[in-house]
Amino acid sequence: MRVIAIDGPAGAGKSTVARALANHLGLEYLDTGAMYRAVTLAAMRRGVDLADVEQVAKLARGLTLEVGEHGVLVDGIDATTQIRSREVTTAVSAVAANSAVRAELVRRQRNWANERGGGVLEGRDIGSVVFPDAELKLYLTAAPRVRAERRVAEAGGDIEEMTEAIERRDQYDRQRADGPLVQADGSIVVDTTGLSIDEVLERIEQLLERP
């Protein structure tokens, strides 16, 4: 099974790089962050209190969820756009810190890769928790200001507010007890600040080719 694990903070370019790399390698791509966003959206739609750990976990275990090139389906309904809303973005950290939700989604992520014989998976704990034995483990990062500029270019907003929000999210993700944002053992840091997607891919391809 060929697994490429790409971790890193918000706005580091993980999704864009992972999708392009999967294309190049002829593998499928999984955005694991979209799974946590989907659970968050489903809970909000159903009026489940995100602080109710047991109820959110129960929802996650029973949720019909599809994440793929077609987008994101939650209970059979297209939620590709909705999971990127400001409301979901603000709330998703609480769901991602829920250990029972993480256990369920990690199980689904491993099943996804097993069914496909591997893939390119991106998130915050792929190399450290989900696939610690991945063929290649990458940790993509960039300066907070640069990451904020990318987010604002994609979705609009204020640069200063976005920079502060990203820094708060980084701190929260690093400090959570379960599946924190860390550079996994054996992972290689790729700083995407000032690099084009092609330049990042060239660097990764060199890493894959080395003996």
Protein backbone atom coordinates (compact mmCIF):
# COMPACT_ATOMS: atom_id res chain seq x y z
CA MET A 1 0.00 0.00 0.00
CA ARG A 2 1.44 3.34 -1.07
CA VAL A 3 0.57 6.16 1.32
CA ILE A 4 1.87 9.72 1.18
CA ALA A 5 1.07 11.66 4.37
CA ILE A 6 0.90 15.45 4.25
CA ASP A 7 0.40 17.36 7.50
CA GLY A 8 0.63 20.99 8.45
CA PRO A 9 -1.27 24.03 9.70
CA ALA A 10 -4.13 25.84 7.98
CA GLY A 11 -3.21 27.69 4.80
CA ALA A 12 0.12 25.91 4.26
CA GLY A 13 -1.03 24.65 0.85
CA LYS A 14 -1.73 21.05 1.87
CA SER A 15 -4.90 20.57 -0.17
CA THR A 16 -3.54 22.10 -3.37
CA VAL A 17 -0.25 20.21 -3.12
CA ALA A 18 -1.87 16.90 -2.11
CA ARG A 19 -4.36 17.04 -4.97
CA ALA A 20 -1.65 17.84 -7.53
CA LEU A 21 0.68 15.15 -6.14
CA ALA A 22 -2.07 12.51 -6.21
CA ASN A 23 -2.72 13.42 -9.84
CA HIS A 24 0.97 13.09 -10.67
CA LEU A 25 1.33 9.72 -8.92
CA GLY A 26 -1.96 8.27 -10.15
CA LEU A 27 -3.28 7.95 -6.61
CA GLU A 28 -6.51 9.10 -5.01
CA TYR A 29 -6.57 12.05 -2.64
CA LEU A 30 -8.30 12.48 0.72
CA ASP A 31 -8.78 15.78 2.54
CA THR A 32 -9.24 14.56 6.12
CA GLY A 33 -9.97 18.07 7.36
CA ALA A 34 -13.13 18.04 5.24
CA MET A 35 -14.30 15.05 7.28
CA TYR A 36 -14.09 16.99 10.54
CA ARG A 37 -15.82 19.93 8.91
CA ALA A 38 -18.58 17.61 7.68
CA VAL A 39 -19.22 16.29 11.19
CA THR A 40 -19.27 19.88 12.48
CA LEU A 41 -21.79 20.93 9.82
CA ALA A 42 -24.00 17.89 10.49
CA ALA A 43 -24.02 18.65 14.22
CA MET A 44 -24.91 22.28 13.61
CA ARG A 45 -27.69 21.33 11.21
CA ARG A 46 -29.18 18.93 13.74
CA GLY A 47 -28.87 21.32 16.66
CA VAL A 48 -26.36 19.14 18.52
CA ASP A 49 -24.33 21.03 21.11
CA LEU A 50 -20.70 20.78 19.99
CA ALA A 51 -19.66 20.71 23.64
CA ASP A 52 -21.68 17.51 24.15
CA VAL A 53 -18.84 15.10 23.49
CA GLU A 54 -20.96 11.92 23.54
CA GLN A 55 -23.71 13.21 21.26
CA VAL A 56 -21.26 14.58 18.68
CA ALA A 57 -19.38 11.25 18.72
CA LYS A 58 -22.64 9.33 18.29
CA LEU A 59 -23.52 11.53 15.32
CA ALA A 60 -20.07 10.95 13.76
CA ARG A 61 -20.42 7.16 14.04
CA GLY A 62 -23.79 7.17 12.31
CA LEU A 63 -23.05 9.78 9.66
CA THR A 64 -23.17 8.87 5.98
CA LEU A 65 -20.14 10.71 4.68
CA GLU A 66 -18.42 10.78 1.29
CA VAL A 67 -15.32 12.85 0.60
CA GLY A 68 -13.76 12.70 -2.86
CA GLU A 69 -13.02 14.47 -6.11
CA HIS A 70 -16.75 15.06 -6.53
CA GLY A 71 -16.83 17.08 -3.31
CA VAL A 72 -18.35 16.31 0.06
CA LEU A 73 -21.68 14.58 0.63
CA VAL A 74 -23.20 14.58 4.12
CA ASP A 75 -26.15 12.21 4.44
CA GLY A 76 -26.36 12.22 0.65
CA ILE A 77 -26.55 16.02 0.38
CA ASP A 78 -23.81 18.09 -1.28
CA ALA A 79 -22.07 20.08 1.45
CA THR A 80 -18.89 20.99 -0.43
CA THR A 81 -19.46 24.73 -0.08
CA GLN A 82 -21.17 24.75 3.30
CA ILE A 83 -18.32 23.02 5.15
CA ARG A 84 -16.09 25.99 4.23
CA SER A 85 -18.42 28.56 5.75
CA ARG A 86 -17.17 30.96 8.43
CA GLU A 87 -19.47 29.31 11.00
CA VAL A 88 -18.03 25.84 10.40
CA THR A 89 -14.47 27.18 10.27
CA THR A 90 -14.96 28.82 13.66
CA ALA A 91 -16.49 25.70 15.25
CA VAL A 92 -14.49 22.83 13.75
CA SER A 93 -11.64 22.92 16.30
CA ALA A 94 -13.99 21.78 19.07
CA VAL A 95 -15.08 18.77 17.02
CA ALA A 96 -11.50 17.94 16.01
CA ALA A 97 -10.55 17.84 19.71
CA ASN A 98 -13.23 15.22 20.45
CA SER A 99 -11.31 11.95 20.99
CA ALA A 100 -14.25 9.71 20.07
CA VAL A 101 -14.84 11.63 16.84
CA ARG A 102 -11.14 11.35 16.01
CA ALA A 103 -11.19 7.60 16.63
CA GLU A 104 -14.13 7.18 14.25
CA LEU A 105 -12.68 9.33 11.51
CA VAL A 106 -9.21 7.77 11.79
CA ARG A 107 -10.91 4.38 11.33
CA ARG A 108 -12.64 5.67 8.20
CA GLN A 109 -9.41 7.19 6.87
CA ARG A 110 -7.52 3.92 7.25
CA ASN A 111 -10.35 2.01 5.59
CA TRP A 112 -10.36 4.50 2.74
CA ALA A 113 -6.65 3.91 2.06
CA ASN A 114 -6.90 0.14 2.50
CA GLU A 115 -9.72 -0.08 -0.03
CA ARG A 116 -7.67 1.87 -2.60
CA GLY A 117 -4.25 0.40 -1.97
CA GLY A 118 -3.02 3.73 -0.64
CA GLY A 119 -3.42 7.39 -1.53
CA VAL A 120 -2.31 10.89 -0.71
CA LEU A 121 -3.87 11.95 2.60
CA GLU A 122 -3.60 15.40 4.08
CA GLY A 123 -4.50 16.73 7.49
CA ARG A 124 -2.90 17.42 10.84
CA ASP A 125 -2.16 13.94 12.20
CA ILE A 126 -1.72 11.71 9.15
CA GLY A 127 1.97 10.98 9.64
CA SER A 128 1.84 11.01 13.43
CA VAL A 129 -1.34 8.98 14.05
CA VAL A 130 -3.19 7.71 10.99
CA PHE A 131 -0.28 6.33 8.94
CA PRO A 132 2.99 6.61 10.89
CA ASP A 133 4.55 4.09 8.47
CA ALA A 134 3.67 6.07 5.33
CA GLU A 135 6.13 5.87 2.44
CA LEU A 136 6.73 9.62 2.68
CA LYS A 137 5.69 11.95 5.49
CA LEU A 138 5.67 15.67 4.79
CA TYR A 139 5.02 18.63 7.04
CA LEU A 140 4.04 21.65 4.98
CA THR A 141 4.24 25.05 6.61
CA ALA A 142 4.48 28.76 5.79
CA ALA A 143 4.59 32.04 7.67
CA PRO A 144 1.23 32.88 9.33
CA ARG A 145 0.90 36.11 7.33
CA VAL A 146 1.43 34.23 4.06
CA ARG A 147 -1.13 31.62 5.04
CA ALA A 148 -3.61 34.36 5.92
CA GLU A 149 -3.09 36.03 2.55
CA ARG A 150 -3.84 32.74 0.81
CA ARG A 151 -7.04 32.24 2.80
CA VAL A 152 -8.23 35.78 2.11
CA ALA A 153 -7.47 35.36 -1.60
CA GLU A 154 -9.66 32.23 -1.60
CA ALA A 155 -12.56 33.35 0.58
CA GLY A 156 -12.19 37.06 1.25
CA GLY A 157 -11.88 38.80 4.60
CA ASP A 158 -9.44 40.97 6.48
CA ILE A 159 -5.74 40.05 6.45
CA GLU A 160 -5.09 41.07 10.05
CA GLU A 161 -8.13 39.22 11.39
CA MET A 162 -7.26 36.14 9.35
CA THR A 163 -3.65 36.16 10.58
CA GLU A 164 -4.84 36.31 14.20
CA ALA A 165 -7.39 33.54 13.58
CA ILE A 166 -4.74 31.29 12.01
CA GLU A 167 -2.34 31.86 14.90
CA ARG A 168 -5.10 31.00 17.41
CA ARG A 169 -5.97 27.85 15.46
CA ASP A 170 -2.31 26.80 15.33
CA GLN A 171 -1.98 27.18 19.10
CA TYR A 172 -5.21 25.28 19.76
CA ASP A 173 -4.29 22.43 17.40
CA ARG A 174 -0.82 22.05 18.89
CA GLN A 175 -2.09 21.97 22.46
CA ARG A 176 -5.02 19.57 22.12
CA ALA A 177 -4.54 16.24 23.89
CA ASP A 178 -5.63 13.93 21.07
CA GLY A 179 -3.98 14.02 17.63
CA PRO A 180 -2.24 17.38 18.10
CA LEU A 181 -0.60 19.19 15.22
CA VAL A 182 3.02 18.04 15.35
CA GLN A 183 5.85 17.27 13.00
CA ALA A 184 5.73 13.47 12.94
CA ASP A 185 8.88 11.44 13.50
CA GLY A 186 10.60 10.95 10.18
CA SER A 187 8.63 13.68 8.40
CA ILE A 188 10.29 16.25 6.19
CA VAL A 189 9.47 19.93 6.54
CA VAL A 190 8.66 21.81 3.34
CA ASP A 191 8.25 25.57 3.85
CA THR A 192 5.98 26.77 1.05
CA THR A 193 6.56 30.48 1.75
CA GLY A 194 7.49 32.11 -1.56
CA LEU A 195 7.21 28.84 -3.52
CA SER A 196 4.86 28.09 -6.39
CA ILE A 197 2.91 24.83 -6.46
CA ASP A 198 5.22 23.55 -9.21
CA GLU A 199 8.28 24.30 -7.09
CA VAL A 200 6.79 22.48 -4.09
CA LEU A 201 5.91 19.48 -6.26
CA GLU A 202 9.41 19.40 -7.73
CA ARG A 203 10.84 19.28 -4.21
CA ILE A 204 8.50 16.41 -3.23
CA GLU A 205 9.28 14.48 -6.39
CA GLN A 206 12.98 14.70 -5.55
CA LEU A 207 12.23 13.26 -2.12
CA LEU A 208 10.28 10.37 -3.64
CA GLU A 209 13.09 9.57 -6.06
CA ARG A 210 15.87 9.47 -3.51
CA PRO A 211 17.10 6.02 -2.42
